[in-house]
Each structure stands twice: as structure tokens, then as C-alpha cells.
């Protein structure tokens, strides 16, 4: 790659790389990497990692992290983020976040947060949070947390966390985590760990641990955590965490976290995180992140990122980026870019740009 940009248009592939950023548009894939920031959009997956945070978008999940701008347009998804604001338009979802306020409009959900104040209106759920306290009344859910509020909205749960917020709205899931967070949302699993708090949302499980207490009442879920301990009793879910360890037992999910590690076993999901690494195994998805690297295996998707490199394997798509190089393999298209050169091979198209020209 040289100072001059390169644009290549094949059947369904568009590649543009100039200076440091790289953008690749395949059937449903979009890759953008600038400096330390990498964003990858596959069929229904979007991965963005910057410095420490990593966000993964699977089937119906979209995660966004601020600072540098990203624009992604898929079938029905539009993402725009500039500095701090984020606007996301999906089928029935609209997200806008500027500085601190966030507004999210889904089918029947409206979320607005400015500084410390959050209002959420769902089918039968009104939420209002001012300063620190949060009160949420849903069909059968009541959440009140003072000092450091957290709100999660899943099927019937809303969660929100203020200050430097990132909000993710999927079908019925919204997750926000800040500082050096790692977020992973698979079919029905969401894991969040930042500094000391750990939050895990499964089918009917919600775990939150932070210095301040959190109380969550859902259909059959009750969570109370004060200072460090957390106890959660759901239909078949029991969570107990004292000091730092957390143990969660759901239908087929056991979770144990001592000091820093967290282990979660769901139907076919296994999550293990010690100190910094996180490992998540869902139906067919394994995720492992140690220190900085993250490895995610979904149905047919494999993502590995260590420091700067990112590797994504989808149905027939393989993307590998280390430091500066990016390699993308789609149905019949392989792309390889190391340092500066970019090579794209499609059905009948072969483009290579190293120090030489096309």
C-alpha cells in the first residue's frame, strides 16, 4: 500500500485502503482498520476492538465503541460514529449517542440518557434515573440500584450503566460496559467483566457485582449484591459470590469465579476467565482471550485478535490482520495485505499492489 488509495470493485467486493485505514466490503462483510482500531462485519457479525475493549456482533447483536468514526451499511443496518456520537438504524432500531446522552428507539423501546439521567419506555416498562438512583418497573421486573446504576433490558430486563456509556440493543438485549471492557454476545449469552464487576446474562440469568449493591427482581429471578457478595436465585439458577468469587448455576449452566477468574457452563457454553483471559464456549462458539488476544468461534466464524491482529473465519470468509496486514477470504475471493501491499483474487479478478502498480 502506498500513499495513494486503492479501490477494487468485483462482483460483490469493494476494497479501499489508503495510508493506514483498510475497508473491505464483500457480500455482507465490512472491515475497517485504522491505527489500533479494527472493525469487522460479516454476515451478522461485527467485531470492533480498540486498545483494550472488544465487541462482537453476532446474529442480531451490534456493539459499538467510540473514539474514531465508523460507518457501516449492511442490509438494514447503518452505523455512524463520530468522536462520541453513534447513530444506528436497523430494521426497527435507532441509536444515537453523543458525549453522554443516548437515545435508543426499537420496536417498543425508547432509551434516553443524559449525563446521569436515563429514561426507558418499553411495552409496559418506564425507567427514570436521575443522579444515581434507578427505578425500573417492567411487567414483572423491578430494578433499583443506587450510587453506581446498572440497567439491563433483555426479554423483560433492562440494564443501563452511566458515565462513559456504550449501549447495545439487540432483539431484547441491551448491554453496556466501560473502562477496559470485553463484551461478548452470542445466541443467549452475554459476559461482561471490567476491573472488578462481572455481569452475565443468559436466558434467565443476570449477574452483576460492583461495590454498590444491585437488586433485580424478574419473573423468577432475584439478585441482591452488597459490597462484593451476590446471590441470585432463578428457576434453576443460583448465584453466590462473596468477596470476588461468583458461582452461577442455571438450567445447565454453572459459573464459578474466584478472585478474578470466571467460569460459565451453559447448555453448550463454557466461559472461563482468569485475571484477564476470557473463554466462552457456546453452541459452536469458543472464545478465548488472554491479556489482549481474543478468540471467538461461532457457528462458522472464528475470530482471533492479539494486540493488533484479528482473524475472522466465517462460512467461507477468512480475515487475518496482524499489525498492519489484512487477509480476507470470501466465497471465491482472497485478499492479502501486508504492511502496504494489497492483493485481491476474485472469480476472474486478480489485483496486486505492492511496490509495483497494477
Protein backbone atom coordinates (compact mmCIF):
# COMPACT_ATOMS: atom_id res chain seq x y z
CA UNK A 1 0.00 0.00 0.00
CA UNK A 2 1.31 3.37 -0.88
CA UNK A 3 0.21 6.88 -0.12
CA UNK A 4 -2.28 6.63 -2.96
CA UNK A 5 -5.52 4.79 -2.27
CA UNK A 6 -6.52 1.55 -3.96
CA UNK A 7 -10.08 0.80 -4.92
CA UNK A 8 -11.14 -2.54 -6.32
CA UNK A 9 -14.70 -3.42 -7.30
CA UNK A 10 -15.52 -7.04 -8.05
CA UNK A 11 -18.82 -8.82 -8.22
CA UNK A 12 -19.72 -8.04 -4.66
CA UNK A 13 -16.43 -6.88 -3.27
CA UNK A 14 -15.18 -3.39 -2.74
CA UNK A 15 -11.78 -2.74 -1.22
CA UNK A 16 -10.43 0.64 -0.36
CA UNK A 17 -7.20 1.16 1.54
CA UNK A 18 -5.38 4.44 1.99
CA UNK A 19 -2.47 5.21 4.33
CA UNK A 20 -3.50 3.22 7.40
CA UNK A 21 -7.26 2.51 7.16
CA UNK A 22 -8.49 -0.50 5.26
CA UNK A 23 -12.06 -1.00 4.26
CA UNK A 24 -13.31 -4.15 2.62
CA UNK A 25 -16.88 -4.71 1.53
CA UNK A 26 -17.85 -8.20 0.44
CA UNK A 27 -21.28 -9.75 0.27
CA UNK A 28 -22.01 -8.82 3.84
CA UNK A 29 -18.54 -8.17 5.12
CA UNK A 30 -17.03 -4.86 6.05
CA UNK A 31 -13.56 -4.48 7.51
CA UNK A 32 -12.02 -1.26 8.65
CA UNK A 33 -8.72 -0.90 10.46
CA UNK A 34 -7.11 2.38 11.40
CA UNK A 35 -4.10 2.51 13.72
CA UNK A 36 -5.30 0.42 16.66
CA UNK A 37 -8.94 0.20 15.66
CA UNK A 38 -10.38 -2.75 13.78
CA UNK A 39 -13.96 -3.32 12.78
CA UNK A 40 -15.19 -6.40 11.02
CA UNK A 41 -18.71 -7.02 9.74
CA UNK A 42 -19.57 -10.47 8.46
CA UNK A 43 -22.93 -11.94 7.66
CA UNK A 44 -24.31 -10.99 11.03
CA UNK A 45 -21.14 -10.38 12.94
CA UNK A 46 -19.43 -7.14 13.78
CA UNK A 47 -16.24 -7.02 15.78
CA UNK A 48 -14.60 -3.87 16.97
CA UNK A 49 -11.54 -3.74 19.17
CA UNK A 50 -9.71 -0.67 20.31
CA UNK A 51 -6.86 -0.65 22.86
CA UNK A 52 -8.48 -2.98 25.35
CA UNK A 53 -12.22 -3.24 24.59
CA UNK A 54 -13.58 -5.85 22.24
CA UNK A 55 -17.10 -6.02 20.98
CA UNK A 56 -18.63 -8.77 18.94
CA UNK A 57 -21.79 -8.55 16.87
CA UNK A 58 -23.42 -11.86 16.13
CA UNK A 59 -26.78 -12.83 14.75
CA UNK A 60 -28.81 -9.89 15.99
CA UNK A 61 -26.34 -8.03 18.11
CA UNK A 62 -24.46 -4.88 17.33
CA UNK A 63 -21.82 -3.35 19.52
CA UNK A 64 -20.25 -0.01 19.08
CA UNK A 65 -17.28 1.63 20.72
CA UNK A 66 -16.45 5.31 20.39
CA UNK A 67 -13.45 7.47 19.56
CA UNK A 68 -12.70 7.04 15.89
CA UNK A 69 -15.56 7.09 13.36
CA UNK A 70 -17.00 4.02 11.74
CA UNK A 71 -19.67 3.86 9.13
CA UNK A 72 -21.17 0.53 8.27
CA UNK A 73 -24.12 -0.08 5.98
CA UNK A 74 -25.42 -3.61 5.69
CA UNK A 75 -28.75 -4.89 4.51
CA UNK A 76 -30.74 -2.99 7.07
CA UNK A 77 -28.03 -1.67 9.33
CA UNK A 78 -26.48 1.74 9.33
CA UNK A 79 -23.84 2.69 11.84
CA UNK A 80 -22.27 6.07 12.15
CA UNK A 81 -19.98 7.13 14.93
CA UNK A 82 -18.02 10.32 15.04
CA UNK A 83 -15.84 11.03 18.10
CA UNK A 84 -18.51 10.16 20.63
CA UNK A 85 -21.92 10.15 18.88
CA UNK A 86 -23.29 6.95 17.46
CA UNK A 87 -26.27 6.51 15.25
CA UNK A 88 -27.52 3.08 14.40
CA UNK A 89 -30.52 2.35 12.22
CA UNK A 90 -31.57 -1.26 11.87
CA UNK A 91 -34.92 -2.67 10.92
CA UNK A 92 -36.65 -1.03 13.83
CA UNK A 93 -33.72 0.20 15.86
CA UNK A 94 -32.31 3.68 16.06
CA UNK A 95 -29.44 4.52 18.35
CA UNK A 96 -27.94 7.90 18.90
CA UNK A 97 -25.29 8.69 21.46
CA UNK A 98 -23.43 11.98 21.76
CA UNK A 99 -20.96 12.62 24.56
CA UNK A 100 -23.11 11.26 27.35
CA UNK A 101 -26.74 11.15 26.16
CA UNK A 102 -28.02 8.08 24.42
CA UNK A 103 -31.31 7.63 22.70
CA UNK A 104 -32.44 4.23 21.55
CA UNK A 105 -35.69 3.56 19.73
CA UNK A 106 -36.60 -0.02 18.99
CA UNK A 107 -39.94 -1.60 18.28
CA UNK A 108 -41.34 -0.55 21.61
CA UNK A 109 -38.25 0.64 23.40
CA UNK A 110 -37.05 4.18 23.90
CA UNK A 111 -33.93 4.94 25.87
CA UNK A 112 -32.58 8.35 26.65
CA UNK A 113 -29.68 9.03 28.92
CA UNK A 114 -28.10 12.41 29.52
CA UNK A 115 -25.22 12.65 31.98
CA UNK A 116 -26.81 10.62 34.75
CA UNK A 117 -30.45 10.56 33.72
CA UNK A 118 -31.96 7.63 31.87
CA UNK A 119 -35.48 7.05 30.71
CA UNK A 120 -36.56 3.79 29.19
CA UNK A 121 -40.00 3.08 27.82
CA UNK A 122 -40.81 -0.42 26.65
CA UNK A 123 -44.13 -2.14 26.21
CA UNK A 124 -45.01 -1.69 29.81
CA UNK A 125 -41.72 -0.51 31.17
CA UNK A 126 -40.92 3.06 32.24
CA UNK A 127 -37.46 3.85 33.52
CA UNK A 128 -36.22 7.05 35.03
CA UNK A 129 -32.86 7.55 36.63
CA UNK A 130 -31.59 10.86 37.97
CA UNK A 131 -28.19 11.43 39.57
CA UNK A 132 -27.55 7.95 40.93
CA UNK A 133 -30.79 6.10 41.77
CA UNK A 134 -32.54 3.97 39.21
CA UNK A 135 -36.04 2.68 39.37
CA UNK A 136 -37.38 0.39 36.71
CA UNK A 137 -40.81 -1.12 36.56
CA UNK A 138 -41.44 -3.67 33.86
CA UNK A 139 -44.12 -6.31 33.57
CA UNK A 140 -42.60 -8.38 36.31
CA UNK A 141 -39.26 -6.70 36.73
CA UNK A 142 -38.20 -4.16 39.32
CA UNK A 143 -34.65 -2.90 39.47
CA UNK A 144 -33.34 -0.33 41.85
CA UNK A 145 -29.68 0.43 42.25
CA UNK A 146 -28.21 3.49 43.90
CA UNK A 147 -24.81 5.14 43.58
CA UNK A 148 -23.47 3.25 40.56
CA UNK A 149 -26.53 2.22 38.50
CA UNK A 150 -26.68 -0.63 36.07
CA UNK A 151 -29.63 -1.48 33.91
CA UNK A 152 -30.08 -4.44 31.64
CA UNK A 153 -33.04 -4.94 29.32
CA UNK A 154 -33.46 -8.43 27.96
CA UNK A 155 -36.71 -10.21 27.34
CA UNK A 156 -38.09 -8.42 30.35
CA UNK A 157 -34.94 -6.96 31.83
CA UNK A 158 -33.42 -3.50 31.31
CA UNK A 159 -29.87 -2.64 32.28
CA UNK A 160 -28.06 0.62 32.00
CA UNK A 161 -24.72 1.87 33.19
CA UNK A 162 -23.77 5.53 33.08
CA UNK A 163 -20.69 7.75 32.76
CA UNK A 164 -18.89 6.83 29.51
CA UNK A 165 -21.64 4.60 28.18
CA UNK A 166 -21.79 2.18 25.37
CA UNK A 167 -25.17 0.72 24.74
CA UNK A 168 -26.07 -2.31 22.73
CA UNK A 169 -29.63 -3.08 21.71
CA UNK A 170 -30.32 -6.44 20.21
CA UNK A 171 -33.68 -8.11 19.90
CA UNK A 172 -34.29 -7.84 23.60
CA UNK A 173 -30.81 -7.37 24.96
CA UNK A 174 -29.00 -4.20 25.91
CA UNK A 175 -25.55 -4.28 27.43
CA UNK A 176 -23.22 -1.51 28.39
CA UNK A 177 -19.74 -1.77 29.80
CA UNK A 178 -16.92 0.74 30.13
CA UNK A 179 -13.21 1.19 31.01
CA UNK A 180 -11.27 -1.84 29.73
CA UNK A 181 -14.31 -3.94 28.91
CA UNK A 182 -14.79 -7.05 26.93
CA UNK A 183 -18.23 -7.84 25.69
CA UNK A 184 -19.37 -11.00 24.02
CA UNK A 185 -22.94 -11.64 22.95
CA UNK A 186 -23.82 -14.99 21.49
CA UNK A 187 -27.19 -16.53 21.00
CA UNK A 188 -28.31 -16.13 24.56
CA UNK A 189 -25.10 -15.47 26.38
CA UNK A 190 -23.53 -12.20 27.37
CA UNK A 191 -20.46 -11.83 29.52
CA UNK A 192 -19.02 -8.64 30.82
CA UNK A 193 -16.04 -8.07 33.06
CA UNK A 194 -14.47 -4.72 33.91
CA UNK A 195 -11.98 -4.15 36.71
CA UNK A 196 -13.92 -5.90 39.43
CA UNK A 197 -17.55 -6.15 38.25
CA UNK A 198 -18.77 -9.15 36.34
CA UNK A 199 -22.09 -9.31 34.59
CA UNK A 200 -23.51 -12.39 32.97
CA UNK A 201 -26.84 -12.58 31.17
CA UNK A 202 -28.13 -15.93 30.00
CA UNK A 203 -31.65 -16.99 29.22
CA UNK A 204 -32.93 -16.14 32.64
CA UNK A 205 -29.74 -15.22 34.41
CA UNK A 206 -28.42 -11.81 35.27
CA UNK A 207 -25.40 -11.30 37.48
CA UNK A 208 -23.92 -8.02 38.47
CA UNK A 209 -21.24 -7.33 41.01
CA UNK A 210 -19.92 -3.91 41.95
CA UNK A 211 -19.01 -2.03 45.05
CA UNK A 212 -22.52 -0.73 45.32
CA UNK A 213 -25.49 -3.05 45.78
CA UNK A 214 -27.76 -4.15 42.97
CA UNK A 215 -31.19 -5.61 43.35
CA UNK A 216 -33.01 -7.15 40.43
CA UNK A 217 -36.42 -8.75 40.52
CA UNK A 218 -37.61 -10.52 37.39
CA UNK A 219 -40.21 -13.21 36.90
CA UNK A 220 -38.38 -15.75 38.95
CA UNK A 221 -35.05 -14.01 39.39
CA UNK A 222 -33.88 -12.16 42.45
CA UNK A 223 -30.41 -10.71 42.70
CA UNK A 224 -29.01 -8.90 45.64
CA UNK A 225 -25.41 -7.90 45.93
CA UNK A 226 -23.96 -5.60 48.57
CA UNK A 227 -20.31 -4.58 48.61
CA UNK A 228 -19.00 -7.75 46.98
CA UNK A 229 -21.34 -10.73 47.51
CA UNK A 230 -24.02 -11.62 45.00
CA UNK A 231 -26.81 -14.10 45.37
CA UNK A 232 -29.13 -14.96 42.54
CA UNK A 233 -31.99 -17.44 42.67
CA UNK A 234 -33.98 -18.13 39.50
CA UNK A 235 -35.98 -21.13 38.35
CA UNK A 236 -32.89 -23.25 38.12
CA UNK A 237 -30.34 -20.57 38.63
CA UNK A 238 -28.37 -19.98 41.78
CA UNK A 239 -25.60 -17.43 42.01
CA UNK A 240 -23.50 -16.77 45.02
CA UNK A 241 -20.48 -14.57 45.05
CA UNK A 242 -18.61 -13.48 48.14
CA UNK A 243 -15.69 -11.06 48.07
CA UNK A 244 -14.69 -11.80 44.49
CA UNK A 245 -15.81 -15.33 43.55
CA UNK A 246 -19.05 -15.88 41.70
CA UNK A 247 -20.88 -19.12 41.20
CA UNK A 248 -23.83 -19.38 38.88
CA UNK A 249 -25.96 -22.44 38.27
CA UNK A 250 -28.60 -22.21 35.55
CA UNK A 251 -30.51 -24.90 33.71
CA UNK A 252 -27.26 -26.40 32.55
CA UNK A 253 -25.03 -23.51 33.33
CA UNK A 254 -22.54 -23.46 36.20
CA UNK A 255 -20.46 -20.38 36.82
CA UNK A 256 -17.60 -20.07 39.22
CA UNK A 257 -15.33 -17.11 39.60
CA UNK A 258 -12.70 -16.85 42.30
CA UNK A 259 -10.67 -13.68 42.72
CA UNK A 260 -10.59 -12.81 39.05
CA UNK A 261 -11.38 -15.96 37.03
CA UNK A 262 -14.88 -16.70 35.84
CA UNK A 263 -16.14 -19.98 34.54
CA UNK A 264 -19.52 -20.34 32.95
CA UNK A 265 -21.10 -23.51 31.63
CA UNK A 266 -24.41 -23.10 29.83
CA UNK A 267 -26.25 -25.55 27.62
CA UNK A 268 -23.25 -25.77 25.37
CA UNK A 269 -21.47 -22.73 26.60
CA UNK A 270 -18.32 -22.69 28.66
CA UNK A 271 -16.78 -19.48 29.87
CA UNK A 272 -13.53 -19.30 31.73
CA UNK A 273 -11.72 -16.15 32.53
CA UNK A 274 -8.72 -15.85 34.83
CA UNK A 275 -7.15 -12.47 35.54
CA UNK A 276 -7.50 -11.16 32.01
CA UNK A 277 -8.26 -14.15 29.75
CA UNK A 278 -11.82 -15.00 28.87
CA UNK A 279 -13.00 -18.18 27.27
CA UNK A 280 -16.54 -18.63 26.08
CA UNK A 281 -17.98 -21.76 24.51
CA UNK A 282 -21.48 -21.51 23.13
CA UNK A 283 -23.34 -23.86 20.85
CA UNK A 284 -20.46 -23.92 18.45
CA UNK A 285 -18.65 -20.87 19.60
CA UNK A 286 -15.43 -20.90 21.62
CA UNK A 287 -13.90 -17.66 22.78
CA UNK A 288 -10.57 -17.24 24.43
CA UNK A 289 -8.95 -14.00 25.36
CA UNK A 290 -5.73 -13.82 27.36
CA UNK A 291 -4.25 -10.44 28.24
CA UNK A 292 -5.07 -8.82 24.92
CA UNK A 293 -5.89 -11.63 22.46
CA UNK A 294 -9.43 -12.71 21.84
CA UNK A 295 -10.52 -15.81 20.02
CA UNK A 296 -14.11 -16.32 19.06
CA UNK A 297 -15.56 -19.33 17.29
CA UNK A 298 -19.19 -19.05 16.31
CA UNK A 299 -21.19 -21.38 14.12
CA UNK A 300 -18.76 -20.96 11.28
CA UNK A 301 -16.97 -17.88 12.46
CA UNK A 302 -13.57 -17.76 14.09
CA UNK A 303 -12.10 -14.52 15.34
CA UNK A 304 -8.68 -14.20 16.84
CA UNK A 305 -7.21 -10.94 17.86
CA UNK A 306 -3.98 -10.46 19.73
CA UNK A 307 -2.78 -6.91 20.36
CA UNK A 308 -3.48 -5.74 16.84
CA UNK A 309 -4.08 -8.84 14.70
CA UNK A 310 -7.58 -10.04 14.00
CA UNK A 311 -8.58 -13.27 12.36
CA UNK A 312 -12.12 -13.96 11.34
CA UNK A 313 -13.39 -17.16 9.77
CA UNK A 314 -16.97 -17.12 8.58
CA UNK A 315 -18.79 -19.51 6.29
CA UNK A 316 -16.29 -19.03 3.53
CA UNK A 317 -14.62 -15.90 4.74
CA UNK A 318 -11.26 -15.70 6.43
CA UNK A 319 -9.76 -12.46 7.61
CA UNK A 320 -6.36 -12.16 9.18
CA UNK A 321 -4.78 -8.93 10.19
CA UNK A 322 -1.53 -8.69 12.13
CA UNK A 323 -0.14 -5.25 12.94
CA UNK A 324 -0.99 -3.79 9.56
CA UNK A 325 -1.68 -6.72 7.20
CA UNK A 326 -5.20 -7.83 6.48
CA UNK A 327 -6.21 -11.02 4.74
CA UNK A 328 -9.77 -11.68 3.71
CA UNK A 329 -11.03 -14.88 2.11
CA UNK A 330 -14.63 -14.85 0.95
CA UNK A 331 -16.53 -17.30 -1.21
CA UNK A 332 -14.03 -17.13 -4.03
CA UNK A 333 -12.18 -14.01 -3.07
CA UNK A 334 -8.88 -13.96 -1.18
CA UNK A 335 -7.44 -10.69 0.00
CA UNK A 336 -3.99 -10.27 1.47
CA UNK A 337 -2.47 -7.04 2.59
CA UNK A 338 0.84 -6.98 4.44
CA UNK A 339 2.28 -3.65 5.58
CA UNK A 340 1.50 -1.85 2.36
CA UNK A 341 0.56 -4.29 -0.45
CA UNK A 342 -2.97 -5.43 -1.11
CA UNK A 343 -3.90 -8.49 -3.14
CA UNK A 344 -7.44 -9.38 -4.07
CA UNK A 345 -8.39 -12.50 -6.02
CA UNK A 346 -11.98 -12.91 -7.10
CA UNK A 347 -13.63 -15.23 -9.60
CA UNK A 348 -11.91 -13.69 -12.58
CA UNK A 349 -10.20 -10.74 -10.99
CA UNK A 350 -6.71 -10.63 -9.59
CA UNK A 351 -5.33 -7.40 -8.21
CA UNK A 352 -1.96 -7.00 -6.56
CA UNK A 353 -0.41 -3.81 -5.40
CA UNK A 354 2.96 -3.99 -3.68
CA UNK A 355 5.74 -1.61 -4.50
CA UNK A 356 4.68 -2.16 -8.08
CA UNK A 357 1.48 -0.89 -9.70
CA UNK A 358 -1.45 -2.85 -11.10
